[in-house]
Amino acid sequence: MILVAVEVRVEAGSAERVKEAIAKMETATRAEEGCITYAFSVDLSDPTMIRVLERWRSMDDIKLHMASPHMAEFNKAMGAIRPKGLDVKAYEASEVALG
């Protein structure tokens, strides 16, 4: 399994401006083959921080996702708000039950 953690720093109020694009992206991505989890959130104590948590079956599934039309549409929407910072990290992991 591949875990992807994304942090996007935006100007105050910008997250609200891309809310529709985020909703479309979540819906389309969750329907993709290989997508286990895909969720956006705005930090409760810092509304300039958008986070994305992704779990994928494989890197091949992520590559298909990155080439999808809804990803291109989302990137266009995000480009319009000019993010101040972007940090993307991917981790290969195996699932372990805790408790």
N, C-alpha and C. Protein backbone atom coordinates (compact mmCIF):
# COMPACT_ATOMS: atom_id res chain seq x y z
N MET A 1 0.85 -1.17 0.00
CA MET A 1 0.00 0.00 0.00
C MET A 1 0.90 1.23 0.00
N ILE A 2 0.46 2.26 -0.71
CA ILE A 2 1.18 3.53 -0.75
C ILE A 2 0.35 4.58 -0.01
N LEU A 3 0.97 5.25 0.94
CA LEU A 3 0.34 6.36 1.65
C LEU A 3 0.91 7.66 1.09
N VAL A 4 0.04 8.62 0.83
CA VAL A 4 0.47 9.93 0.35
C VAL A 4 -0.07 10.97 1.31
N ALA A 5 0.82 11.83 1.80
CA ALA A 5 0.44 12.93 2.69
C ALA A 5 0.79 14.23 1.99
N VAL A 6 -0.22 15.07 1.80
CA VAL A 6 -0.03 16.34 1.10
C VAL A 6 -0.41 17.48 2.03
N GLU A 7 0.42 18.53 2.05
CA GLU A 7 0.08 19.76 2.76
C GLU A 7 0.20 20.92 1.78
N VAL A 8 -0.86 21.69 1.67
CA VAL A 8 -0.89 22.85 0.78
C VAL A 8 -1.15 24.09 1.63
N ARG A 9 -0.25 25.04 1.57
CA ARG A 9 -0.41 26.31 2.30
C ARG A 9 -1.03 27.32 1.33
N VAL A 10 -2.14 27.93 1.74
CA VAL A 10 -2.85 28.92 0.91
C VAL A 10 -3.07 30.20 1.70
N GLU A 11 -3.47 31.23 1.01
CA GLU A 11 -3.82 32.48 1.71
C GLU A 11 -5.14 32.29 2.43
N ALA A 12 -5.36 33.05 3.48
CA ALA A 12 -6.61 32.98 4.24
C ALA A 12 -7.79 33.15 3.31
N GLY A 13 -8.79 32.27 3.43
CA GLY A 13 -10.00 32.34 2.62
C GLY A 13 -9.90 31.59 1.30
N SER A 14 -8.70 31.23 0.88
CA SER A 14 -8.53 30.55 -0.41
C SER A 14 -9.12 29.14 -0.41
N ALA A 15 -9.03 28.44 0.70
CA ALA A 15 -9.56 27.08 0.76
C ALA A 15 -11.05 27.07 0.43
N GLU A 16 -11.75 28.06 0.88
CA GLU A 16 -13.19 28.15 0.60
C GLU A 16 -13.44 28.34 -0.89
N ARG A 17 -12.54 29.04 -1.57
CA ARG A 17 -12.73 29.31 -3.00
C ARG A 17 -12.58 28.06 -3.86
N VAL A 18 -11.87 27.06 -3.39
CA VAL A 18 -11.69 25.84 -4.19
C VAL A 18 -12.50 24.67 -3.63
N LYS A 19 -13.45 24.97 -2.76
CA LYS A 19 -14.25 23.92 -2.13
C LYS A 19 -14.97 23.03 -3.15
N GLU A 20 -15.53 23.63 -4.20
CA GLU A 20 -16.23 22.85 -5.22
C GLU A 20 -15.25 21.94 -5.97
N ALA A 21 -14.07 22.46 -6.30
CA ALA A 21 -13.07 21.65 -6.98
C ALA A 21 -12.61 20.49 -6.09
N ILE A 22 -12.48 20.76 -4.80
CA ILE A 22 -12.09 19.72 -3.85
C ILE A 22 -13.16 18.64 -3.80
N ALA A 23 -14.43 19.02 -3.73
CA ALA A 23 -15.52 18.05 -3.66
C ALA A 23 -15.55 17.18 -4.91
N LYS A 24 -15.39 17.78 -6.09
CA LYS A 24 -15.35 17.01 -7.34
C LYS A 24 -14.18 16.05 -7.35
N MET A 25 -13.03 16.53 -6.90
CA MET A 25 -11.82 15.70 -6.89
C MET A 25 -11.99 14.50 -5.98
N GLU A 26 -12.51 14.72 -4.77
CA GLU A 26 -12.72 13.61 -3.84
C GLU A 26 -13.64 12.56 -4.44
N THR A 27 -14.77 12.99 -4.98
CA THR A 27 -15.75 12.06 -5.54
C THR A 27 -15.16 11.25 -6.68
N ALA A 28 -14.52 11.93 -7.63
CA ALA A 28 -13.95 11.23 -8.79
C ALA A 28 -12.81 10.30 -8.38
N THR A 29 -11.96 10.75 -7.48
CA THR A 29 -10.80 9.95 -7.09
C THR A 29 -11.22 8.72 -6.30
N ARG A 30 -12.19 8.87 -5.43
CA ARG A 30 -12.64 7.73 -4.62
C ARG A 30 -13.21 6.61 -5.50
N ALA A 31 -13.66 6.94 -6.69
CA ALA A 31 -14.20 5.95 -7.63
C ALA A 31 -13.11 5.27 -8.45
N GLU A 32 -11.87 5.75 -8.35
CA GLU A 32 -10.78 5.19 -9.15
C GLU A 32 -10.37 3.82 -8.64
N GLU A 33 -9.97 2.97 -9.61
CA GLU A 33 -9.41 1.67 -9.29
C GLU A 33 -8.14 1.88 -8.46
N GLY A 34 -8.03 1.17 -7.37
CA GLY A 34 -6.82 1.25 -6.55
C GLY A 34 -6.86 2.27 -5.44
N CYS A 35 -7.86 3.14 -5.43
CA CYS A 35 -7.98 4.14 -4.36
C CYS A 35 -8.63 3.50 -3.14
N ILE A 36 -7.93 3.55 -2.03
CA ILE A 36 -8.46 3.00 -0.78
C ILE A 36 -9.05 4.12 0.07
N THR A 37 -8.32 5.23 0.19
CA THR A 37 -8.76 6.40 0.96
C THR A 37 -8.31 7.65 0.23
N TYR A 38 -9.18 8.64 0.19
CA TYR A 38 -8.81 9.93 -0.39
C TYR A 38 -9.63 10.99 0.34
N ALA A 39 -8.97 11.82 1.13
CA ALA A 39 -9.71 12.78 1.95
C ALA A 39 -8.96 14.10 2.09
N PHE A 40 -9.67 15.19 1.86
CA PHE A 40 -9.16 16.54 2.08
C PHE A 40 -9.63 17.04 3.43
N SER A 41 -8.85 17.93 4.04
CA SER A 41 -9.31 18.62 5.24
C SER A 41 -8.62 19.97 5.33
N VAL A 42 -9.29 20.89 5.99
CA VAL A 42 -8.69 22.18 6.31
C VAL A 42 -8.39 22.12 7.81
N ASP A 43 -7.17 22.47 8.19
CA ASP A 43 -6.76 22.41 9.59
C ASP A 43 -7.68 23.30 10.43
N LEU A 44 -8.21 22.76 11.51
CA LEU A 44 -9.14 23.51 12.36
C LEU A 44 -8.51 24.73 13.01
N SER A 45 -7.23 24.65 13.35
CA SER A 45 -6.58 25.78 14.01
C SER A 45 -5.78 26.66 13.04
N ASP A 46 -5.71 26.25 11.76
CA ASP A 46 -4.96 27.02 10.77
C ASP A 46 -5.67 26.91 9.42
N PRO A 47 -6.61 27.81 9.12
CA PRO A 47 -7.39 27.72 7.88
C PRO A 47 -6.59 27.98 6.61
N THR A 48 -5.29 28.23 6.73
CA THR A 48 -4.45 28.38 5.54
C THR A 48 -3.76 27.06 5.18
N MET A 49 -4.04 25.98 5.93
CA MET A 49 -3.43 24.68 5.67
C MET A 49 -4.48 23.68 5.20
N ILE A 50 -4.32 23.20 3.97
CA ILE A 50 -5.17 22.14 3.43
C ILE A 50 -4.34 20.86 3.44
N ARG A 51 -4.92 19.78 3.93
CA ARG A 51 -4.22 18.50 3.96
C ARG A 51 -5.00 17.47 3.15
N VAL A 52 -4.26 16.57 2.53
CA VAL A 52 -4.85 15.46 1.79
C VAL A 52 -4.20 14.19 2.30
N LEU A 53 -5.01 13.21 2.63
CA LEU A 53 -4.52 11.89 3.02
C LEU A 53 -5.00 10.90 1.98
N GLU A 54 -4.07 10.16 1.41
CA GLU A 54 -4.39 9.20 0.37
C GLU A 54 -3.81 7.83 0.72
N ARG A 55 -4.57 6.78 0.42
CA ARG A 55 -4.06 5.41 0.50
C ARG A 55 -4.38 4.75 -0.84
N TRP A 56 -3.34 4.20 -1.47
CA TRP A 56 -3.47 3.59 -2.79
C TRP A 56 -2.95 2.17 -2.76
N ARG A 57 -3.48 1.35 -3.63
CA ARG A 57 -3.05 -0.04 -3.75
C ARG A 57 -1.62 -0.13 -4.30
N SER A 58 -1.29 0.77 -5.27
CA SER A 58 0.04 0.68 -5.89
C SER A 58 0.45 2.02 -6.50
N MET A 59 1.73 2.13 -6.84
CA MET A 59 2.23 3.32 -7.53
C MET A 59 1.62 3.43 -8.92
N ASP A 60 1.35 2.31 -9.57
CA ASP A 60 0.71 2.36 -10.89
C ASP A 60 -0.65 3.03 -10.80
N ASP A 61 -1.40 2.75 -9.72
CA ASP A 61 -2.70 3.39 -9.53
C ASP A 61 -2.54 4.90 -9.33
N ILE A 62 -1.51 5.31 -8.62
CA ILE A 62 -1.25 6.74 -8.42
C ILE A 62 -0.89 7.40 -9.74
N LYS A 63 -0.10 6.74 -10.57
CA LYS A 63 0.27 7.30 -11.87
C LYS A 63 -0.96 7.51 -12.74
N LEU A 64 -1.89 6.55 -12.74
CA LEU A 64 -3.14 6.72 -13.49
C LEU A 64 -3.95 7.89 -12.93
N HIS A 65 -3.99 8.00 -11.63
CA HIS A 65 -4.70 9.10 -10.98
C HIS A 65 -4.10 10.45 -11.40
N MET A 66 -2.80 10.55 -11.38
CA MET A 66 -2.13 11.81 -11.72
C MET A 66 -2.39 12.23 -13.17
N ALA A 67 -2.68 11.27 -14.05
CA ALA A 67 -2.95 11.54 -15.46
C ALA A 67 -4.44 11.71 -15.77
N SER A 68 -5.28 11.64 -14.75
CA SER A 68 -6.74 11.70 -14.96
C SER A 68 -7.22 13.11 -15.30
N PRO A 69 -8.32 13.21 -16.04
CA PRO A 69 -8.89 14.52 -16.37
C PRO A 69 -9.29 15.31 -15.12
N HIS A 70 -9.82 14.63 -14.09
CA HIS A 70 -10.22 15.37 -12.89
C HIS A 70 -9.01 15.91 -12.13
N MET A 71 -7.86 15.27 -12.25
CA MET A 71 -6.64 15.79 -11.63
C MET A 71 -6.20 17.06 -12.36
N ALA A 72 -6.27 17.05 -13.69
CA ALA A 72 -5.92 18.24 -14.47
C ALA A 72 -6.84 19.40 -14.14
N GLU A 73 -8.13 19.12 -14.00
CA GLU A 73 -9.11 20.16 -13.65
C GLU A 73 -8.83 20.72 -12.26
N PHE A 74 -8.50 19.83 -11.33
CA PHE A 74 -8.20 20.26 -9.97
C PHE A 74 -6.93 21.11 -9.92
N ASN A 75 -5.90 20.69 -10.64
CA ASN A 75 -4.65 21.46 -10.68
C ASN A 75 -4.88 22.86 -11.22
N LYS A 76 -5.76 22.98 -12.19
CA LYS A 76 -6.11 24.29 -12.74
C LYS A 76 -6.77 25.16 -11.66
N ALA A 77 -7.70 24.58 -10.92
CA ALA A 77 -8.39 25.32 -9.85
C ALA A 77 -7.40 25.74 -8.76
N MET A 78 -6.50 24.83 -8.39
CA MET A 78 -5.52 25.16 -7.36
C MET A 78 -4.54 26.22 -7.85
N GLY A 79 -4.16 26.16 -9.12
CA GLY A 79 -3.26 27.15 -9.70
C GLY A 79 -3.85 28.54 -9.65
N ALA A 80 -5.17 28.62 -9.76
CA ALA A 80 -5.84 29.93 -9.74
C ALA A 80 -5.74 30.60 -8.38
N ILE A 81 -5.55 29.82 -7.31
CA ILE A 81 -5.43 30.44 -5.98
C ILE A 81 -3.97 30.64 -5.58
N ARG A 82 -3.06 30.19 -6.41
CA ARG A 82 -1.62 30.36 -6.19
C ARG A 82 -1.19 29.92 -4.79
N PRO A 83 -1.12 28.62 -4.54
CA PRO A 83 -0.68 28.14 -3.23
C PRO A 83 0.67 28.74 -2.84
N LYS A 84 0.83 29.00 -1.55
CA LYS A 84 2.07 29.57 -1.03
C LYS A 84 3.11 28.49 -0.75
N GLY A 85 2.65 27.25 -0.61
CA GLY A 85 3.57 26.17 -0.33
C GLY A 85 2.91 24.83 -0.60
N LEU A 86 3.71 23.85 -0.95
CA LEU A 86 3.21 22.51 -1.24
C LEU A 86 4.24 21.49 -0.77
N ASP A 87 3.79 20.51 0.00
CA ASP A 87 4.66 19.44 0.46
C ASP A 87 3.94 18.13 0.21
N VAL A 88 4.54 17.25 -0.60
CA VAL A 88 3.94 15.95 -0.93
C VAL A 88 4.95 14.87 -0.56
N LYS A 89 4.49 13.93 0.23
CA LYS A 89 5.35 12.81 0.62
C LYS A 89 4.58 11.51 0.39
N ALA A 90 5.27 10.49 -0.15
CA ALA A 90 4.67 9.18 -0.36
C ALA A 90 5.48 8.15 0.44
N TYR A 91 4.76 7.19 1.00
CA TYR A 91 5.39 6.16 1.83
C TYR A 91 4.84 4.80 1.42
N GLU A 92 5.70 3.83 1.32
CA GLU A 92 5.25 2.46 1.11
C GLU A 92 5.04 1.85 2.49
N ALA A 93 3.90 1.22 2.69
CA ALA A 93 3.58 0.74 4.03
C ALA A 93 2.83 -0.59 3.97
N SER A 94 2.90 -1.32 5.06
CA SER A 94 2.05 -2.48 5.23
C SER A 94 1.15 -2.21 6.43
N GLU A 95 -0.04 -2.72 6.35
CA GLU A 95 -1.03 -2.44 7.38
C GLU A 95 -0.81 -3.32 8.59
N VAL A 96 -0.88 -2.70 9.77
CA VAL A 96 -0.72 -3.40 11.04
C VAL A 96 -1.87 -2.97 11.96
N ALA A 97 -2.61 -3.90 12.49
CA ALA A 97 -3.69 -3.59 13.41
C ALA A 97 -3.13 -3.16 14.75
N LEU A 98 -3.63 -2.05 15.27
CA LEU A 98 -3.21 -1.56 16.58
C LEU A 98 -4.39 -1.71 17.55
N GLY A 99 -4.29 -2.62 18.43
CA GLY A 99 -5.32 -2.78 19.44
C GLY A 99 -6.31 -3.73 19.03
